[in-house]
Amino acid sequence: DELEFTQISDTLNRIASAVEELDTAVTDELQSDLRAVLQAHQRFSLARTEYVEAGLYRDRAMSENLALLVESRASDERYVVWSHNLHVATGEIEMSIPDRPAATITPLGTVIRSTTDIDYVAIGFSFLDGVPEWGLPPHHDGTLDSALSELDQNLFFIDLNRCRIHAACEWLSQSQAMRAQGGTANLVPLENFNGIVFVRTIDRSRPSDLAQRRFREIGGG
């Protein structure tokens, strides 16, 4: 309830103040972990009443954490950020979710491109059939996913950086619908991704033998 959330917030803020007073060498990792806890608490607090704002806050927090991570490492290191299309994209996206008002979201990728000098490359992902582990509606005509499936290939990559003069490029420069968790995302592919991977049929992820062995070593089932 509201009292419980307020108590949690007060406790986290007191911990944050105490950590700031510790020696810097000791607190870097603690501050990083605590920041993530505070961000998660704020996001879930917003989600109770402000669904759209909670999503916007989440992407701002993700971009902040990514920027801090990159700044703390060697400048020549490279990173892979594995996330949903609606987070890695680099333009504004119009969301349509049943029983909720339409909303415009600003993804992590957009924030990174506009607020940092990180050389960020966004790769989108599309599929036709399969068993995703998250809630996506079934494919239907009129979506980007359905259109890509008409190329009759099981697996391919579209390099959108090289898309210049072609009828398909004109189509990709217009708003297209993509399936998204809970509804439909309307976006311009050329403005949101550097490339798109298409896999005709997907299946749920499965842990590798190594992952399962390590899980058992730490007491997992």
C-alpha atoms as a PDB file:
ATOM      1  CA  ASP A   1       0.000   0.000   0.000  1.00  0.00           C
ATOM      2  CA  GLU A   2       0.954   3.696  -0.047  1.00  0.00           C
ATOM      3  CA  LEU A   3       2.397   3.652   3.478  1.00  0.00           C
ATOM      4  CA  GLU A   4       4.591   0.663   2.657  1.00  0.00           C
ATOM      5  CA  PHE A   5       5.936   2.337  -0.497  1.00  0.00           C
ATOM      6  CA  THR A   6       6.690   5.524   1.460  1.00  0.00           C
ATOM      7  CA  GLN A   7       8.544   3.571   4.126  1.00  0.00           C
ATOM      8  CA  ILE A   8      10.601   1.757   1.511  1.00  0.00           C
ATOM      9  CA  SER A   9      11.465   5.044  -0.194  1.00  0.00           C
ATOM     10  CA  ASP A  10      12.529   6.647   3.094  1.00  0.00           C
ATOM     11  CA  THR A  11      14.701   3.661   3.968  1.00  0.00           C
ATOM     12  CA  LEU A  12      16.395   3.597   0.555  1.00  0.00           C
ATOM     13  CA  ASN A  13      17.086   7.337   0.683  1.00  0.00           C
ATOM     14  CA  ARG A  14      18.649   7.018   4.146  1.00  0.00           C
ATOM     15  CA  ILE A  15      20.869   4.210   2.879  1.00  0.00           C
ATOM     16  CA  ALA A  16      21.858   6.314  -0.137  1.00  0.00           C
ATOM     17  CA  SER A  17      22.860   9.230   2.119  1.00  0.00           C
ATOM     18  CA  ALA A  18      24.946   6.931   4.324  1.00  0.00           C
ATOM     19  CA  VAL A  19      26.718   5.376   1.349  1.00  0.00           C
ATOM     20  CA  GLU A  20      27.660   8.814  -0.031  1.00  0.00           C
ATOM     21  CA  GLU A  21      29.578   9.562   3.176  1.00  0.00           C
ATOM     22  CA  LEU A  22      31.817   6.489   2.833  1.00  0.00           C
ATOM     23  CA  ASP A  23      35.228   6.440   1.175  1.00  0.00           C
ATOM     24  CA  THR A  24      34.919   6.794  -2.622  1.00  0.00           C
ATOM     25  CA  ALA A  25      36.997   3.695  -3.327  1.00  0.00           C
ATOM     26  CA  VAL A  26      34.577   1.651  -1.255  1.00  0.00           C
ATOM     27  CA  THR A  27      31.364   3.184  -2.518  1.00  0.00           C
ATOM     28  CA  ASP A  28      31.598   3.019  -6.317  1.00  0.00           C
ATOM     29  CA  GLU A  29      30.090  -0.451  -6.572  1.00  0.00           C
ATOM     30  CA  LEU A  30      27.697   0.140  -3.681  1.00  0.00           C
ATOM     31  CA  GLN A  31      26.409   3.318  -5.296  1.00  0.00           C
ATOM     32  CA  SER A  32      25.939   1.546  -8.602  1.00  0.00           C
ATOM     33  CA  ASP A  33      23.927  -1.246  -6.985  1.00  0.00           C
ATOM     34  CA  LEU A  34      21.937   1.165  -4.846  1.00  0.00           C
ATOM     35  CA  ARG A  35      21.130   3.374  -7.836  1.00  0.00           C
ATOM     36  CA  ALA A  36      19.655   0.364  -9.621  1.00  0.00           C
ATOM     37  CA  VAL A  37      17.541  -0.498  -6.556  1.00  0.00           C
ATOM     38  CA  LEU A  38      16.270   3.084  -6.265  1.00  0.00           C
ATOM     39  CA  GLN A  39      15.463   3.193  -9.981  1.00  0.00           C
ATOM     40  CA  ALA A  40      13.562  -0.087  -9.813  1.00  0.00           C
ATOM     41  CA  HIS A  41      11.575   1.138  -6.815  1.00  0.00           C
ATOM     42  CA  GLN A  42      10.726   4.411  -8.571  1.00  0.00           C
ATOM     43  CA  ARG A  43       9.692   2.627 -11.753  1.00  0.00           C
ATOM     44  CA  PHE A  44       7.320   0.237  -9.945  1.00  0.00           C
ATOM     45  CA  SER A  45       5.961   3.109  -7.871  1.00  0.00           C
ATOM     46  CA  LEU A  46       5.102   5.024 -11.052  1.00  0.00           C
ATOM     47  CA  ALA A  47       3.663   1.937 -12.735  1.00  0.00           C
ATOM     48  CA  ARG A  48       0.854   1.780 -10.202  1.00  0.00           C
ATOM     49  CA  THR A  49      -0.750   4.959 -11.543  1.00  0.00           C
ATOM     50  CA  GLU A  50       1.322   6.326 -14.446  1.00  0.00           C
ATOM     51  CA  TYR A  51       1.869   3.460 -16.877  1.00  0.00           C
ATOM     52  CA  VAL A  52       3.412   5.544 -19.680  1.00  0.00           C
ATOM     53  CA  GLU A  53       5.604   7.659 -17.403  1.00  0.00           C
ATOM     54  CA  ALA A  54       6.880   4.468 -15.744  1.00  0.00           C
ATOM     55  CA  GLY A  55       8.024   3.206 -19.135  1.00  0.00           C
ATOM     56  CA  LEU A  56       9.713   6.511 -19.988  1.00  0.00           C
ATOM     57  CA  TYR A  57      11.451   6.557 -16.624  1.00  0.00           C
ATOM     58  CA  ARG A  58      12.677   3.003 -17.150  1.00  0.00           C
ATOM     59  CA  ASP A  59      14.376   3.889 -20.438  1.00  0.00           C
ATOM     60  CA  ARG A  60      15.948   7.026 -18.969  1.00  0.00           C
ATOM     61  CA  ALA A  61      17.327   4.966 -16.095  1.00  0.00           C
ATOM     62  CA  MET A  62      18.633   2.278 -18.440  1.00  0.00           C
ATOM     63  CA  SER A  63      20.413   4.866 -20.585  1.00  0.00           C
ATOM     64  CA  GLU A  64      21.944   6.495 -17.495  1.00  0.00           C
ATOM     65  CA  ASN A  65      23.280   3.160 -16.276  1.00  0.00           C
ATOM     66  CA  LEU A  66      24.666   2.281 -19.698  1.00  0.00           C
ATOM     67  CA  ALA A  67      26.408   5.649 -20.049  1.00  0.00           C
ATOM     68  CA  LEU A  68      27.966   5.337 -16.587  1.00  0.00           C
ATOM     69  CA  LEU A  69      29.170   1.826 -17.385  1.00  0.00           C
ATOM     70  CA  VAL A  70      30.814   2.922 -20.629  1.00  0.00           C
ATOM     71  CA  GLU A  71      32.421   5.958 -18.971  1.00  0.00           C
ATOM     72  CA  SER A  72      33.954   3.759 -16.265  1.00  0.00           C
ATOM     73  CA  ARG A  73      35.703   1.422 -18.706  1.00  0.00           C
ATOM     74  CA  ALA A  74      38.440   1.688 -21.311  1.00  0.00           C
ATOM     75  CA  SER A  75      37.434   3.850 -24.272  1.00  0.00           C
ATOM     76  CA  ASP A  76      38.174   1.105 -26.820  1.00  0.00           C
ATOM     77  CA  GLU A  77      35.876  -1.493 -25.269  1.00  0.00           C
ATOM     78  CA  ARG A  78      32.708  -2.602 -27.031  1.00  0.00           C
ATOM     79  CA  TYR A  79      29.429  -3.694 -25.497  1.00  0.00           C
ATOM     80  CA  VAL A  80      26.317  -5.581 -26.521  1.00  0.00           C
ATOM     81  CA  VAL A  81      23.073  -4.411 -24.929  1.00  0.00           C
ATOM     82  CA  TRP A  82      20.465  -7.148 -25.311  1.00  0.00           C
ATOM     83  CA  SER A  83      16.958  -5.755 -24.969  1.00  0.00           C
ATOM     84  CA  HIS A  84      13.517  -5.457 -26.568  1.00  0.00           C
ATOM     85  CA  ASN A  85      13.055  -3.539 -29.833  1.00  0.00           C
ATOM     86  CA  LEU A  86      11.213  -0.812 -27.956  1.00  0.00           C
ATOM     87  CA  HIS A  87      14.278  -0.165 -25.793  1.00  0.00           C
ATOM     88  CA  VAL A  88      17.104  -0.375 -28.346  1.00  0.00           C
ATOM     89  CA  ALA A  89      15.306   1.737 -30.990  1.00  0.00           C
ATOM     90  CA  THR A  90      16.560   5.243 -31.730  1.00  0.00           C
ATOM     91  CA  GLY A  91      13.421   7.225 -32.603  1.00  0.00           C
ATOM     92  CA  GLU A  92      10.075   8.033 -31.063  1.00  0.00           C
ATOM     93  CA  ILE A  93       7.536   5.211 -31.142  1.00  0.00           C
ATOM     94  CA  GLU A  94       3.748   5.375 -31.088  1.00  0.00           C
ATOM     95  CA  MET A  95       2.331   2.641 -28.892  1.00  0.00           C
ATOM     96  CA  SER A  96      -1.125   1.153 -29.235  1.00  0.00           C
ATOM     97  CA  ILE A  97      -2.163  -1.085 -26.320  1.00  0.00           C
ATOM     98  CA  PRO A  98      -5.722  -2.390 -25.834  1.00  0.00           C
ATOM     99  CA  ASP A  99      -7.640  -0.637 -23.041  1.00  0.00           C
ATOM    100  CA  ARG A 100      -4.947   2.042 -22.660  1.00  0.00           C
ATOM    101  CA  PRO A 101      -4.637   5.476 -24.271  1.00  0.00           C
ATOM    102  CA  ALA A 102      -2.205   5.815 -27.182  1.00  0.00           C
ATOM    103  CA  ALA A 103       1.245   6.948 -26.075  1.00  0.00           C
ATOM    104  CA  THR A 104       4.544   8.111 -27.531  1.00  0.00           C
ATOM    105  CA  ILE A 105       7.627   6.527 -25.983  1.00  0.00           C
ATOM    106  CA  THR A 106      11.280   7.578 -26.112  1.00  0.00           C
ATOM    107  CA  PRO A 107      13.514   4.473 -26.044  1.00  0.00           C
ATOM    108  CA  LEU A 108      16.896   3.960 -24.409  1.00  0.00           C
ATOM    109  CA  GLY A 109      18.563   4.147 -27.830  1.00  0.00           C
ATOM    110  CA  THR A 110      17.094   7.582 -28.508  1.00  0.00           C
ATOM    111  CA  VAL A 111      18.326   8.898 -25.158  1.00  0.00           C
ATOM    112  CA  ILE A 112      21.815   7.454 -25.711  1.00  0.00           C
ATOM    113  CA  ARG A 113      22.057   9.023 -29.175  1.00  0.00           C
ATOM    114  CA  SER A 114      20.878  12.448 -27.971  1.00  0.00           C
ATOM    115  CA  THR A 115      22.745  12.740 -24.659  1.00  0.00           C
ATOM    116  CA  THR A 116      26.067  10.899 -25.114  1.00  0.00           C
ATOM    117  CA  ASP A 117      28.826  10.487 -27.679  1.00  0.00           C
ATOM    118  CA  ILE A 118      28.602   6.692 -27.569  1.00  0.00           C
ATOM    119  CA  ASP A 119      28.869   5.166 -31.038  1.00  0.00           C
ATOM    120  CA  TYR A 120      25.574   3.338 -30.702  1.00  0.00           C
ATOM    121  CA  VAL A 121      24.276   0.809 -33.248  1.00  0.00           C
ATOM    122  CA  ALA A 122      20.678  -0.416 -32.961  1.00  0.00           C
ATOM    123  CA  ILE A 123      19.681  -3.840 -34.314  1.00  0.00           C
ATOM    124  CA  GLY A 124      15.977  -4.690 -34.367  1.00  0.00           C
ATOM    125  CA  PHE A 125      14.543  -8.203 -34.277  1.00  0.00           C
ATOM    126  CA  SER A 126      11.519  -9.604 -36.072  1.00  0.00           C
ATOM    127  CA  PHE A 127       9.931 -13.038 -36.379  1.00  0.00           C
ATOM    128  CA  LEU A 128       6.781 -14.664 -37.735  1.00  0.00           C
ATOM    129  CA  ASP A 129       5.873 -17.698 -35.639  1.00  0.00           C
ATOM    130  CA  GLY A 130       7.031 -19.448 -32.512  1.00  0.00           C
ATOM    131  CA  VAL A 131       6.752 -19.470 -28.768  1.00  0.00           C
ATOM    132  CA  PRO A 132       8.095 -16.281 -27.197  1.00  0.00           C
ATOM    133  CA  GLU A 133       8.447 -16.152 -23.410  1.00  0.00           C
ATOM    134  CA  TRP A 134       6.744 -12.762 -23.248  1.00  0.00           C
ATOM    135  CA  GLY A 135       3.311 -11.572 -24.260  1.00  0.00           C
ATOM    136  CA  LEU A 136       3.209 -10.773 -27.962  1.00  0.00           C
ATOM    137  CA  PRO A 137       0.097 -10.838 -30.113  1.00  0.00           C
ATOM    138  CA  PRO A 138       0.003 -13.283 -33.054  1.00  0.00           C
ATOM    139  CA  HIS A 139       1.271 -11.963 -36.369  1.00  0.00           C
ATOM    140  CA  HIS A 140      -1.226 -10.514 -38.813  1.00  0.00           C
ATOM    141  CA  ASP A 141      -1.192  -8.859 -42.218  1.00  0.00           C
ATOM    142  CA  GLY A 142      -0.158  -5.242 -42.292  1.00  0.00           C
ATOM    143  CA  THR A 143       2.774  -5.531 -39.883  1.00  0.00           C
ATOM    144  CA  LEU A 144       6.474  -5.273 -40.631  1.00  0.00           C
ATOM    145  CA  ASP A 145       6.868  -8.814 -39.315  1.00  0.00           C
ATOM    146  CA  SER A 146       4.335 -10.190 -41.785  1.00  0.00           C
ATOM    147  CA  ALA A 147       5.836  -8.241 -44.695  1.00  0.00           C
ATOM    148  CA  LEU A 148       9.355  -9.537 -44.013  1.00  0.00           C
ATOM    149  CA  SER A 149       8.040 -13.104 -43.916  1.00  0.00           C
ATOM    150  CA  GLU A 150       6.922 -12.730 -47.546  1.00  0.00           C
ATOM    151  CA  LEU A 151      10.596 -12.790 -48.607  1.00  0.00           C
ATOM    152  CA  ASP A 152      10.303 -16.540 -47.992  1.00  0.00           C
ATOM    153  CA  GLN A 153      13.605 -16.825 -46.098  1.00  0.00           C
ATOM    154  CA  ASN A 154      14.033 -18.466 -42.709  1.00  0.00           C
ATOM    155  CA  LEU A 155      16.817 -16.199 -41.506  1.00  0.00           C
ATOM    156  CA  PHE A 156      18.269 -12.962 -42.866  1.00  0.00           C
ATOM    157  CA  PHE A 157      19.687  -9.560 -41.927  1.00  0.00           C
ATOM    158  CA  ILE A 158      18.760  -6.227 -43.491  1.00  0.00           C
ATOM    159  CA  ASP A 159      21.523  -3.622 -43.366  1.00  0.00           C
ATOM    160  CA  LEU A 160      19.474  -0.423 -43.165  1.00  0.00           C
ATOM    161  CA  ASN A 161      22.614   1.739 -43.308  1.00  0.00           C
ATOM    162  CA  ARG A 162      22.958   0.709 -46.952  1.00  0.00           C
ATOM    163  CA  CYS A 163      19.328   1.332 -47.805  1.00  0.00           C
ATOM    164  CA  ARG A 164      19.360   4.291 -50.201  1.00  0.00           C
ATOM    165  CA  ILE A 165      17.635   4.034 -53.587  1.00  0.00           C
ATOM    166  CA  HIS A 166      15.115   1.206 -53.767  1.00  0.00           C
ATOM    167  CA  ALA A 167      11.359   0.848 -53.498  1.00  0.00           C
ATOM    168  CA  ALA A 168      11.857  -1.093 -50.267  1.00  0.00           C
ATOM    169  CA  CYS A 169      13.847   1.811 -48.800  1.00  0.00           C
ATOM    170  CA  GLU A 170      10.939   4.151 -49.399  1.00  0.00           C
ATOM    171  CA  TRP A 171       8.648   1.711 -47.620  1.00  0.00           C
ATOM    172  CA  LEU A 172      11.088   1.381 -44.704  1.00  0.00           C
ATOM    173  CA  SER A 173      11.184   5.171 -44.366  1.00  0.00           C
ATOM    174  CA  GLN A 174       7.464   5.202 -43.570  1.00  0.00           C
ATOM    175  CA  SER A 175       5.755   4.302 -40.304  1.00  0.00           C
ATOM    176  CA  GLN A 176       5.218   0.543 -39.974  1.00  0.00           C
ATOM    177  CA  ALA A 177       3.506  -1.544 -37.339  1.00  0.00           C
ATOM    178  CA  MET A 178       5.517  -4.077 -35.328  1.00  0.00           C
ATOM    179  CA  ARG A 179       4.235  -6.466 -32.723  1.00  0.00           C
ATOM    180  CA  ALA A 180       5.186  -5.396 -29.225  1.00  0.00           C
ATOM    181  CA  GLN A 181       4.594  -6.638 -25.724  1.00  0.00           C
ATOM    182  CA  GLY A 182       0.966  -5.999 -24.969  1.00  0.00           C
ATOM    183  CA  GLY A 183       0.102  -4.356 -28.279  1.00  0.00           C
ATOM    184  CA  THR A 184       1.484  -2.721 -31.419  1.00  0.00           C
ATOM    185  CA  ALA A 185       4.372  -0.308 -31.965  1.00  0.00           C
ATOM    186  CA  ASN A 186       4.234   2.099 -34.885  1.00  0.00           C
ATOM    187  CA  LEU A 187       7.686   3.237 -35.943  1.00  0.00           C
ATOM    188  CA  VAL A 188       9.832   4.211 -38.931  1.00  0.00           C
ATOM    189  CA  PRO A 189      12.375   1.384 -39.381  1.00  0.00           C
ATOM    190  CA  LEU A 190      15.057   3.564 -41.004  1.00  0.00           C
ATOM    191  CA  GLU A 191      14.871   6.048 -38.118  1.00  0.00           C
ATOM    192  CA  ASN A 192      14.929   3.436 -35.377  1.00  0.00           C
ATOM    193  CA  PHE A 193      17.348   0.720 -36.439  1.00  0.00           C
ATOM    194  CA  ASN A 194      20.679   0.322 -38.222  1.00  0.00           C
ATOM    195  CA  GLY A 195      19.637  -3.177 -39.182  1.00  0.00           C
ATOM    196  CA  ILE A 196      16.944  -5.805 -38.638  1.00  0.00           C
ATOM    197  CA  VAL A 197      17.371  -9.531 -38.032  1.00  0.00           C
ATOM    198  CA  PHE A 198      14.461 -11.701 -39.157  1.00  0.00           C
ATOM    199  CA  VAL A 199      13.954 -15.279 -37.907  1.00  0.00           C
ATOM    200  CA  ARG A 200      10.895 -17.047 -39.267  1.00  0.00           C
ATOM    201  CA  THR A 201      10.270 -19.335 -36.287  1.00  0.00           C
ATOM    202  CA  ILE A 202      11.552 -18.824 -32.757  1.00  0.00           C
ATOM    203  CA  ASP A 203      11.484 -20.915 -29.589  1.00  0.00           C
ATOM    204  CA  ARG A 204      12.058 -20.146 -25.937  1.00  0.00           C
ATOM    205  CA  SER A 205      15.617 -19.742 -24.701  1.00  0.00           C
ATOM    206  CA  ARG A 206      17.250 -22.720 -23.038  1.00  0.00           C
ATOM    207  CA  PRO A 207      20.245 -22.678 -20.675  1.00  0.00           C
ATOM    208  CA  SER A 208      23.481 -24.176 -21.985  1.00  0.00           C
ATOM    209  CA  ASP A 209      25.108 -27.173 -20.299  1.00  0.00           C
ATOM    210  CA  LEU A 210      27.665 -24.806 -18.760  1.00  0.00           C
ATOM    211  CA  ALA A 211      24.969 -22.509 -17.378  1.00  0.00           C
ATOM    212  CA  GLN A 212      23.081 -25.448 -15.882  1.00  0.00           C
ATOM    213  CA  ARG A 213      26.257 -26.826 -14.289  1.00  0.00           C
ATOM    214  CA  ARG A 214      27.108 -23.451 -12.719  1.00  0.00           C
ATOM    215  CA  PHE A 215      23.538 -23.108 -11.497  1.00  0.00           C
ATOM    216  CA  ARG A 216      23.779 -26.471  -9.723  1.00  0.00           C
ATOM    217  CA  GLU A 217      27.152 -25.516  -8.218  1.00  0.00           C
ATOM    218  CA  ILE A 218      25.616 -22.537  -6.419  1.00  0.00           C
ATOM    219  CA  GLY A 219      22.799 -24.645  -5.022  1.00  0.00           C
ATOM    220  CA  GLY A 220      20.234 -24.376  -7.777  1.00  0.00           C
ATOM    221  CA  GLY A 221      17.779 -27.163  -8.517  1.00  0.00           C
END
